[in-house]
Amino acid sequence: MSGYDQDLKSIVAQLNSGQSSGRAEGPAPASPGLDPVLAQAAALGASDLLLLAGTPVALRINGKLSLAGDTALEAEEVRGLLLPLLSGRQQQELQRDKSVDLCFQRDGIGRFRANLHYQRGTLAGSIRLLPARIPSLESLHLPPALRRLAEVRQGLVLVTGATGSGKSSTLAALIDIVNRERRDHIVTIEDPVEYAHGNLKSIVEQIEVGLDAPDFAGSLRSIVRQNPDVILVGEMRDAETIATVLSAAETGHLVLSTLHTNDTSQAVSRILDSFPQGNQPQIRQQLSLALVAIVAQQLVPARDGRGRYPAVELLTASNATRNLIRKGEDHQLYSALSTGRAEGMATMEQSLAEMVRNGLITRETALAHCFRPDELPRYLK
């Protein structure tokens, strides 16, 4: 058995070494059974940890799931590991909504984001391991062009991608640049707060939905009256939040937020489709004026199998792209994107091809992750 497999299998023994059955009323206390598993997952470089009844402990390492042996967890074991993470308020939310999101920290291990939910009538948990420090664009291997987005004084910056594509890390890196270099008032609205930003040159307030505010839209309406310079909205989930974000971006604030779409043009469609047909011309006008850039990203496996690199599509609000959005000619955005290199733009295929040329990923990986397979070969020449 390899050392790697032995490390995975040792998690099962550590899980059974102790269980905590008490329920917390404050910050998540140490759980004798869970903490060794979190430490082992961190040591193995895992990005995620999955705990559910009837399945062995699962870790996502370099984007791939690995099972810790063949010993399946019992439902009561999962409950004993996960319930101590919750405060009284969070327990009520879990009971009411059958799902709850939270972040917690373990001294000497790290910071974690968790989603507790039910499946097949039993409690389950997905735990994301967060970096020990707020990442930089360089440590995330993101294009230097993204740094310019943190220098903008007003407008909307959107980061899109699937769950687990690194959107929160990208936003944290941009906020950190502002915090280090500008004397601004930064307010973040998150569910939950993932990265804790201390005051550097800027003053940072972090509002957690459910704890400090009832929802994104209500919190956003409130904070625009609190004299912020930069606003981070963890996710634009509904039409009310999107409309408030656009208004804030139009009125002198830099607003950063996320959407769950694959590419940049889909982000425009997703925003518009959130509104009734009769309201869409007004939203198009607002979006064309407020937009600074849309970043679409995905994480792809490295050539050597160690880690992943971000492939990034970047659409900037040039005169041409603003005009296309305003006129409703969204189908032409990709053409403007593919010919906009001089303005800092890049398609997903151009990004993947550059990574192949730099020896970061294989050609096969690029083909597996591109959005337009017929476009990629011409960039690989």
Protein backbone atom coordinates (compact mmCIF):
# COMPACT_ATOMS: atom_id res chain seq x y z
CA MET A 1 0.00 0.00 0.00
CA SER A 2 1.37 3.43 -0.93
CA GLY A 3 1.95 6.10 1.68
CA TYR A 4 -0.81 8.16 0.08
CA ASP A 5 -3.35 5.31 0.36
CA GLN A 6 -2.25 4.65 3.92
CA ASP A 7 -2.89 8.29 4.79
CA LEU A 8 -6.38 8.04 3.35
CA LYS A 9 -7.17 4.83 5.19
CA SER A 10 -5.88 6.24 8.47
CA ILE A 11 -8.73 8.77 8.36
CA VAL A 12 -11.22 6.00 9.06
CA ALA A 13 -9.40 5.00 12.22
CA GLN A 14 -9.17 8.64 13.30
CA LEU A 15 -12.90 9.12 12.78
CA ASN A 16 -13.62 6.25 15.13
CA SER A 17 -11.12 7.45 17.74
CA GLY A 18 -13.66 9.72 19.39
CA GLN A 19 -17.10 11.20 18.88
CA SER A 20 -18.60 14.41 20.25
CA SER A 21 -22.32 14.31 20.93
CA GLY A 22 -22.93 17.75 22.48
CA ARG A 23 -24.51 20.64 20.62
CA ALA A 24 -22.91 24.06 20.56
CA GLU A 25 -24.52 27.39 21.37
CA GLY A 26 -21.62 29.52 20.16
CA PRO A 27 -18.64 29.19 17.81
CA ALA A 28 -17.92 25.64 16.71
CA PRO A 29 -16.00 23.82 19.46
CA ALA A 30 -13.33 21.23 18.86
CA SER A 31 -14.76 17.84 17.91
CA PRO A 32 -12.40 15.02 18.95
CA GLY A 33 -13.53 12.88 16.02
CA LEU A 34 -13.57 15.55 13.32
CA ASP A 35 -10.42 17.57 14.03
CA PRO A 36 -7.90 14.80 13.20
CA VAL A 37 -9.73 14.22 9.93
CA LEU A 38 -9.60 17.92 9.07
CA ALA A 39 -5.89 17.98 9.88
CA GLN A 40 -5.24 14.92 7.71
CA ALA A 41 -7.27 16.36 4.85
CA ALA A 42 -5.25 19.59 5.06
CA ALA A 43 -1.98 17.64 5.11
CA LEU A 44 -3.02 15.76 1.97
CA GLY A 45 -3.81 18.99 0.15
CA ALA A 46 -7.52 18.21 -0.16
CA SER A 47 -9.89 20.95 -1.27
CA ASP A 48 -13.07 19.29 0.02
CA LEU A 49 -14.18 16.67 2.53
CA LEU A 50 -17.49 14.77 2.15
CA LEU A 51 -19.21 13.02 5.05
CA LEU A 52 -22.40 11.04 4.46
CA ALA A 53 -23.96 7.88 5.79
CA GLY A 54 -23.37 4.67 3.88
CA THR A 55 -20.16 5.92 2.22
CA PRO A 56 -16.53 6.05 3.34
CA VAL A 57 -14.99 9.46 4.02
CA ALA A 58 -14.30 11.12 0.67
CA LEU A 59 -11.66 13.73 -0.14
CA ARG A 60 -11.32 15.80 -3.28
CA ILE A 61 -7.62 16.07 -4.13
CA ASN A 62 -6.47 17.82 -7.31
CA GLY A 63 -10.08 17.85 -8.44
CA LYS A 64 -10.64 14.10 -8.06
CA LEU A 65 -12.54 12.25 -5.34
CA SER A 66 -10.69 9.63 -3.29
CA LEU A 67 -12.34 7.30 -0.78
CA ALA A 68 -10.68 6.64 2.57
CA GLY A 69 -10.82 2.86 2.51
CA ASP A 70 -14.02 0.85 2.37
CA THR A 71 -15.42 1.50 5.86
CA ALA A 72 -18.73 3.31 5.42
CA LEU A 73 -19.88 5.86 7.97
CA GLU A 74 -23.02 5.22 9.99
CA ALA A 75 -25.73 7.89 10.16
CA GLU A 76 -25.15 8.47 13.88
CA GLU A 77 -21.41 8.87 13.31
CA VAL A 78 -22.07 11.61 10.76
CA ARG A 79 -24.47 13.38 13.13
CA GLY A 80 -21.95 13.17 15.96
CA LEU A 81 -19.27 14.74 13.79
CA LEU A 82 -21.35 17.51 12.23
CA LEU A 83 -23.93 18.71 14.76
CA PRO A 84 -21.32 20.12 17.19
CA LEU A 85 -20.36 22.61 14.48
CA LEU A 86 -23.70 24.39 14.76
CA SER A 87 -24.84 27.20 17.01
CA GLY A 88 -28.40 27.19 18.32
CA ARG A 89 -29.49 29.53 15.51
CA GLN A 90 -27.87 27.33 12.88
CA GLN A 91 -29.52 24.22 14.32
CA GLN A 92 -32.90 25.91 13.94
CA GLU A 93 -32.05 26.88 10.35
CA LEU A 94 -31.02 23.31 9.55
CA GLN A 95 -34.24 21.97 11.05
CA ARG A 96 -36.36 24.52 9.16
CA ASP A 97 -34.62 24.57 5.77
CA LYS A 98 -32.93 21.15 5.81
CA SER A 99 -29.69 22.88 4.84
CA VAL A 100 -27.30 25.38 6.43
CA ASP A 101 -24.03 27.05 5.40
CA LEU A 102 -21.34 28.09 7.87
CA CYS A 103 -17.66 28.80 8.28
CA PHE A 104 -15.51 27.73 11.22
CA GLN A 105 -11.87 27.76 12.25
CA ARG A 106 -9.59 25.26 13.97
CA ASP A 107 -6.42 26.61 15.57
CA GLY A 108 -3.39 24.96 14.05
CA ILE A 109 -5.45 23.37 11.26
CA GLY A 110 -7.20 26.07 9.25
CA ARG A 111 -10.47 27.71 8.27
CA PHE A 112 -13.33 25.80 6.70
CA ARG A 113 -16.63 26.41 4.93
CA ALA A 114 -19.32 23.78 5.41
CA ASN A 115 -22.73 22.94 4.02
CA LEU A 116 -24.83 20.60 6.15
CA HIS A 117 -27.84 19.06 4.47
CA TYR A 118 -29.98 15.94 4.33
CA GLN A 119 -29.86 13.09 1.84
CA ARG A 120 -31.89 9.88 2.02
CA GLY A 121 -33.26 11.12 5.31
CA THR A 122 -29.86 11.39 7.01
CA LEU A 123 -27.55 14.30 7.78
CA ALA A 124 -24.59 14.86 5.45
CA GLY A 125 -21.85 17.45 5.15
CA SER A 126 -19.59 18.96 2.52
CA ILE A 127 -16.60 20.81 3.99
CA ARG A 128 -14.37 23.11 1.92
CA LEU A 129 -10.82 23.75 3.13
CA LEU A 130 -10.00 27.45 2.82
CA PRO A 131 -6.45 28.80 2.42
CA ALA A 132 -4.72 29.72 5.68
CA ARG A 133 -4.07 33.24 4.37
CA ILE A 134 -5.98 35.48 2.02
CA PRO A 135 -4.62 34.48 -1.40
CA SER A 136 -3.00 36.82 -3.87
CA LEU A 137 -3.63 36.83 -7.61
CA GLU A 138 -0.11 35.47 -8.02
CA SER A 139 -0.59 32.59 -5.58
CA LEU A 140 -3.82 31.68 -7.40
CA HIS A 141 -1.98 31.77 -10.77
CA LEU A 142 -4.51 34.27 -12.11
CA PRO A 143 -3.69 36.56 -15.07
CA PRO A 144 -1.99 39.85 -14.11
CA ALA A 145 -4.68 41.66 -16.11
CA LEU A 146 -7.15 41.01 -13.28
CA ARG A 147 -5.21 43.38 -11.03
CA ARG A 148 -6.64 46.31 -12.98
CA LEU A 149 -10.10 45.38 -11.72
CA ALA A 150 -9.05 46.32 -8.17
CA GLU A 151 -7.96 49.76 -9.37
CA VAL A 152 -11.41 50.73 -10.68
CA ARG A 153 -13.35 53.24 -8.59
CA GLN A 154 -16.88 52.41 -9.64
CA GLY A 155 -18.86 49.87 -11.63
CA LEU A 156 -19.63 46.16 -11.56
CA VAL A 157 -17.08 43.34 -11.63
CA LEU A 158 -18.61 39.86 -11.97
CA VAL A 159 -16.80 36.57 -11.36
CA THR A 160 -18.61 33.53 -12.75
CA GLY A 161 -18.05 29.79 -12.82
CA ALA A 162 -19.30 26.51 -11.45
CA THR A 163 -19.29 25.68 -7.75
CA GLY A 164 -15.70 25.07 -6.64
CA SER A 165 -14.12 27.04 -9.49
CA GLY A 166 -12.37 29.51 -7.17
CA LYS A 167 -14.73 32.50 -7.44
CA SER A 168 -14.57 33.37 -3.73
CA SER A 169 -10.77 33.18 -3.72
CA THR A 170 -10.54 35.50 -6.72
CA LEU A 171 -12.81 38.05 -5.05
CA ALA A 172 -10.86 37.78 -1.79
CA ALA A 173 -7.61 38.50 -3.65
CA LEU A 174 -9.14 41.58 -5.32
CA ILE A 175 -10.53 42.88 -2.02
CA ASP A 176 -7.11 42.34 -0.42
CA ILE A 177 -5.46 44.52 -3.08
CA VAL A 178 -7.93 47.34 -2.36
CA ASN A 179 -7.42 46.86 1.38
CA ARG A 180 -3.63 47.10 1.07
CA GLU A 181 -3.41 49.96 -1.39
CA ARG A 182 -6.43 52.26 -0.94
CA ARG A 183 -7.95 54.16 1.95
CA ASP A 184 -11.49 52.98 1.31
CA HIS A 185 -14.50 51.76 3.22
CA ILE A 186 -15.08 48.14 2.15
CA VAL A 187 -18.27 46.27 3.02
CA THR A 188 -18.80 42.59 2.20
CA ILE A 189 -22.12 40.71 2.35
CA GLU A 190 -21.60 36.96 2.41
CA ASP A 191 -23.37 33.74 3.28
CA PRO A 192 -21.27 32.76 5.14
CA VAL A 193 -18.17 34.97 5.56
CA GLU A 194 -15.30 32.92 4.13
CA TYR A 195 -12.17 35.08 4.37
CA ALA A 196 -11.65 37.37 7.36
CA HIS A 197 -10.17 40.69 6.16
CA GLY A 198 -8.44 42.81 8.80
CA ASN A 199 -8.21 46.58 8.47
CA LEU A 200 -5.05 47.54 6.56
CA LYS A 201 -5.19 50.85 4.69
CA SER A 202 -8.95 50.41 4.33
CA ILE A 203 -11.70 49.84 6.88
CA VAL A 204 -13.47 46.54 6.27
CA GLU A 205 -16.92 45.55 7.50
CA GLN A 206 -18.11 41.99 6.90
CA ILE A 207 -21.83 41.22 7.10
CA GLU A 208 -22.98 37.61 7.34
CA VAL A 209 -26.44 36.86 5.96
CA GLY A 210 -28.54 35.17 8.63
CA LEU A 211 -26.38 36.51 11.46
CA ASP A 212 -26.02 40.23 10.74
CA ALA A 213 -28.72 40.68 8.09
CA PRO A 214 -31.78 38.72 6.88
CA ASP A 215 -30.85 38.54 3.18
CA PHE A 216 -28.57 39.94 0.46
CA ALA A 217 -31.02 42.46 -1.02
CA GLY A 218 -32.09 43.96 2.30
CA SER A 219 -28.52 44.22 3.53
CA LEU A 220 -27.39 45.81 0.28
CA ARG A 221 -30.12 48.45 0.43
CA SER A 222 -28.96 49.31 3.93
CA ILE A 223 -25.22 49.49 3.33
CA VAL A 224 -25.42 51.86 0.36
CA ARG A 225 -26.47 54.41 3.00
CA GLN A 226 -23.38 53.64 5.09
CA ASN A 227 -20.93 55.46 2.79
CA PRO A 228 -19.05 52.46 1.37
CA ASP A 229 -16.54 52.79 -1.46
CA VAL A 230 -16.30 49.07 -2.32
CA ILE A 231 -19.06 46.49 -1.88
CA LEU A 232 -18.68 42.73 -2.22
CA VAL A 233 -21.93 40.78 -2.66
CA GLY A 234 -21.23 37.07 -2.24
CA GLU A 235 -23.81 36.02 -4.82
CA MET A 236 -26.48 37.69 -6.95
CA ARG A 237 -29.25 35.19 -6.22
CA ASP A 238 -32.41 36.97 -7.32
CA ALA A 239 -33.78 39.87 -9.36
CA GLU A 240 -34.05 42.17 -6.34
CA THR A 241 -30.38 41.69 -5.45
CA ILE A 242 -29.29 42.13 -9.09
CA ALA A 243 -31.29 45.35 -9.45
CA THR A 244 -29.82 46.77 -6.23
CA VAL A 245 -26.30 45.77 -7.30
CA LEU A 246 -26.71 47.55 -10.64
CA SER A 247 -28.01 50.69 -8.93
CA ALA A 248 -25.07 50.70 -6.49
CA ALA A 249 -22.58 50.20 -9.32
CA GLU A 250 -24.12 53.13 -11.20
CA THR A 251 -23.94 55.51 -8.26
CA GLY A 252 -20.25 55.68 -7.44
CA HIS A 253 -19.47 52.31 -5.84
CA LEU A 254 -17.19 49.52 -6.98
CA VAL A 255 -19.31 46.37 -6.62
CA LEU A 256 -17.90 42.85 -6.91
CA SER A 257 -20.14 39.80 -7.06
CA THR A 258 -20.58 36.28 -8.45
CA LEU A 259 -22.93 34.31 -10.68
CA HIS A 260 -23.13 30.58 -11.40
CA THR A 261 -22.64 30.59 -15.18
CA ASN A 262 -20.00 28.93 -17.32
CA ASP A 263 -18.92 31.77 -19.59
CA THR A 264 -19.12 35.53 -19.83
CA SER A 265 -21.93 35.82 -22.38
CA GLN A 266 -24.09 33.45 -20.32
CA ALA A 267 -23.67 35.85 -17.40
CA VAL A 268 -25.32 38.64 -19.41
CA SER A 269 -28.21 36.34 -20.36
CA ARG A 270 -28.60 35.12 -16.78
CA ILE A 271 -28.91 38.68 -15.47
CA LEU A 272 -31.50 39.64 -18.08
CA ASP A 273 -33.52 36.42 -17.70
CA SER A 274 -33.98 37.23 -14.01
CA PHE A 275 -36.37 40.04 -14.99
CA PRO A 276 -39.73 40.17 -16.80
CA GLN A 277 -39.52 40.90 -20.52
CA GLY A 278 -40.86 44.42 -20.06
CA ASN A 279 -38.08 45.35 -17.64
CA GLN A 280 -35.21 43.98 -19.71
CA PRO A 281 -34.54 47.09 -21.86
CA GLN A 282 -33.95 49.13 -18.67
CA ILE A 283 -31.72 46.41 -17.21
CA ARG A 284 -29.74 46.26 -20.47
CA GLN A 285 -29.17 50.00 -20.27
CA GLN A 286 -28.07 49.80 -16.64
CA LEU A 287 -25.78 46.83 -17.25
CA SER A 288 -24.15 48.43 -20.28
CA LEU A 289 -23.33 51.53 -18.21
CA ALA A 290 -22.32 49.82 -14.95
CA LEU A 291 -20.32 46.83 -16.19
CA VAL A 292 -16.54 46.90 -15.79
CA ALA A 293 -15.69 43.27 -16.53
CA ILE A 294 -16.92 39.69 -16.36
CA VAL A 295 -14.43 37.00 -15.35
CA ALA A 296 -15.37 33.36 -16.05
CA GLN A 297 -13.06 30.77 -14.57
CA GLN A 298 -12.62 27.05 -14.07
CA LEU A 299 -9.90 24.98 -12.39
CA VAL A 300 -8.15 22.42 -14.60
CA PRO A 301 -5.70 19.66 -13.59
CA ALA A 302 -1.99 20.44 -13.89
CA ARG A 303 0.17 18.46 -16.33
CA ASP A 304 2.12 16.82 -13.50
CA GLY A 305 -1.06 15.89 -11.59
CA ARG A 306 -0.15 18.13 -8.66
CA GLY A 307 -2.75 20.80 -8.15
CA ARG A 308 -4.93 22.74 -10.58
CA TYR A 309 -4.61 25.95 -12.55
CA PRO A 310 -7.34 28.49 -13.35
CA ALA A 311 -8.38 28.93 -16.96
CA VAL A 312 -9.87 32.41 -17.26
CA GLU A 313 -12.16 34.08 -19.78
CA LEU A 314 -12.16 37.87 -19.44
CA LEU A 315 -14.71 40.19 -21.01
CA THR A 316 -14.08 43.89 -20.40
CA ALA A 317 -16.62 46.65 -20.94
CA SER A 318 -15.22 48.22 -24.09
CA ASN A 319 -17.32 50.58 -26.18
CA ALA A 320 -18.09 47.67 -28.49
CA THR A 321 -19.27 45.28 -25.75
CA ARG A 322 -21.33 47.99 -24.02
CA ASN A 323 -23.04 48.71 -27.33
CA LEU A 324 -23.80 45.04 -27.97
CA ILE A 325 -25.34 44.63 -24.51
CA ARG A 326 -27.41 47.79 -24.90
CA LYS A 327 -28.73 46.74 -28.34
CA GLY A 328 -29.50 43.17 -27.26
CA GLU A 329 -26.94 41.63 -29.62
CA ASP A 330 -25.57 39.23 -27.00
CA HIS A 331 -24.84 36.59 -29.64
CA GLN A 332 -22.02 38.82 -30.92
CA LEU A 333 -20.27 39.13 -27.55
CA TYR A 334 -18.05 36.12 -28.25
CA SER A 335 -16.83 37.71 -31.48
CA ALA A 336 -15.94 40.91 -29.62
CA LEU A 337 -14.30 38.82 -26.91
CA SER A 338 -12.15 36.77 -29.30
CA THR A 339 -10.87 39.88 -31.10
CA GLY A 340 -10.38 42.00 -27.98
CA ARG A 341 -6.86 40.94 -26.96
CA ALA A 342 -5.61 44.52 -27.32
CA GLU A 343 -8.15 45.56 -24.69
CA GLY A 344 -7.12 42.79 -22.31
CA MET A 345 -9.85 40.32 -23.24
CA ALA A 346 -9.39 36.57 -23.63
CA THR A 347 -11.68 33.65 -24.42
CA MET A 348 -11.60 30.41 -22.45
CA GLU A 349 -10.02 28.70 -25.48
CA GLN A 350 -7.25 31.31 -25.70
CA SER A 351 -6.55 30.89 -21.98
CA LEU A 352 -6.39 27.09 -22.22
CA ALA A 353 -4.16 27.23 -25.31
CA GLU A 354 -1.73 29.57 -23.53
CA MET A 355 -1.58 27.16 -20.58
CA VAL A 356 -0.75 24.30 -22.97
CA ARG A 357 2.03 26.35 -24.60
CA ASN A 358 3.44 27.18 -21.16
CA GLY A 359 3.54 23.51 -20.22
CA LEU A 360 1.03 23.86 -17.36
CA ILE A 361 -1.64 21.51 -18.73
CA THR A 362 -1.86 18.89 -21.45
CA ARG A 363 -3.57 19.32 -24.81
CA GLU A 364 -6.06 16.63 -23.82
CA THR A 365 -6.96 18.54 -20.64
CA ALA A 366 -7.50 21.71 -22.65
CA LEU A 367 -9.83 19.90 -25.06
CA ALA A 368 -11.78 18.39 -22.17
CA HIS A 369 -12.37 21.80 -20.56
CA CYS A 370 -12.92 24.12 -23.51
CA PHE A 371 -16.36 25.55 -24.28
CA ARG A 372 -15.92 25.56 -28.07
CA PRO A 373 -13.85 22.54 -29.22
CA ASP A 374 -13.79 23.75 -32.83
CA GLU A 375 -12.10 27.00 -31.73
CA LEU A 376 -9.29 25.55 -29.60
CA PRO A 377 -7.10 23.96 -32.35
CA ARG A 378 -6.44 27.27 -34.07
CA TYR A 379 -5.06 28.76 -30.84
CA LEU A 380 -2.83 25.73 -30.25
CA LYS A 381 -0.90 26.18 -33.51
